[in-house]
Amino acid sequence: MIPEFDENGNLPPGVYWAEWEEFKDRFGITPLRTRMIDGLQMAFLAAKGSRMPNNLHQ
């Protein structure tokens, strides 16, 4: 769950887990952001279907 923004419009410090739909609903609030999130999702799906190693973050 993504917490509410503070009085400055920021999330409180921390790591948050959210389902993709919650992320899209929370941050895709303008047409530009929606397009960027859609592009990010396409990149994730392309990477998932590729032969790229899963441990690149290490």
Protein backbone atom coordinates (compact mmCIF):
# COMPACT_ATOMS: atom_id res chain seq x y z
CA MET A 1 0.00 0.00 0.00
CA ILE A 2 1.27 3.45 -0.88
CA PRO A 3 0.81 5.94 2.00
CA GLU A 4 -0.57 9.45 1.66
CA PHE A 5 1.71 12.30 0.59
CA ASP A 6 2.90 14.72 3.26
CA GLU A 7 2.18 18.47 3.28
CA ASN A 8 5.02 19.02 0.76
CA GLY A 9 3.67 16.45 -1.69
CA ASN A 10 6.27 13.79 -0.83
CA LEU A 11 5.91 10.22 0.32
CA PRO A 12 7.25 9.50 3.79
CA PRO A 13 10.68 7.83 3.77
CA GLY A 14 10.55 4.08 3.29
CA VAL A 15 10.05 1.26 0.83
CA TYR A 16 6.49 0.52 -0.25
CA TRP A 17 5.04 -2.49 -2.02
CA ALA A 18 2.05 -1.98 -4.29
CA GLU A 19 0.21 -3.83 -6.99
CA TRP A 20 0.71 -2.43 -10.48
CA GLU A 21 -2.88 -1.11 -10.63
CA GLU A 22 -2.44 0.82 -7.38
CA PHE A 23 0.81 2.32 -8.72
CA LYS A 24 -0.90 3.37 -11.98
CA ASP A 25 -3.89 4.84 -10.16
CA ARG A 26 -1.71 6.76 -7.72
CA PHE A 27 0.93 8.18 -10.06
CA GLY A 28 -0.71 8.18 -13.51
CA ILE A 29 -2.60 11.39 -12.81
CA THR A 30 -1.86 13.21 -16.07
CA PRO A 31 -1.85 12.05 -19.70
CA LEU A 32 1.96 12.37 -19.80
CA ARG A 33 2.43 10.28 -16.66
CA THR A 34 -0.01 7.69 -17.97
CA ARG A 35 2.03 7.38 -21.19
CA MET A 36 5.28 7.08 -19.22
CA ILE A 37 3.82 4.39 -16.96
CA ASP A 38 2.48 2.51 -20.00
CA GLY A 39 5.98 2.65 -21.53
CA LEU A 40 7.50 1.38 -18.30
CA GLN A 41 5.04 -1.50 -18.27
CA MET A 42 5.92 -2.37 -21.89
CA ALA A 43 9.63 -2.36 -20.96
CA PHE A 44 8.97 -4.66 -17.99
CA LEU A 45 7.00 -7.06 -20.17
CA ALA A 46 9.70 -7.03 -22.86
CA ALA A 47 12.40 -7.73 -20.27
CA LYS A 48 10.31 -10.50 -18.74
CA GLY A 49 10.03 -12.19 -22.12
CA SER A 50 13.72 -11.78 -22.93
CA ARG A 51 16.64 -14.00 -22.06
CA MET A 52 18.03 -11.28 -19.81
CA PRO A 53 19.37 -12.63 -16.48
CA ASN A 54 17.16 -11.99 -13.46
CA ASN A 55 20.11 -11.05 -11.26
CA LEU A 56 21.19 -7.81 -12.94
CA HIS A 57 20.43 -5.86 -9.77
CA GLN A 58 23.19 -7.56 -7.78
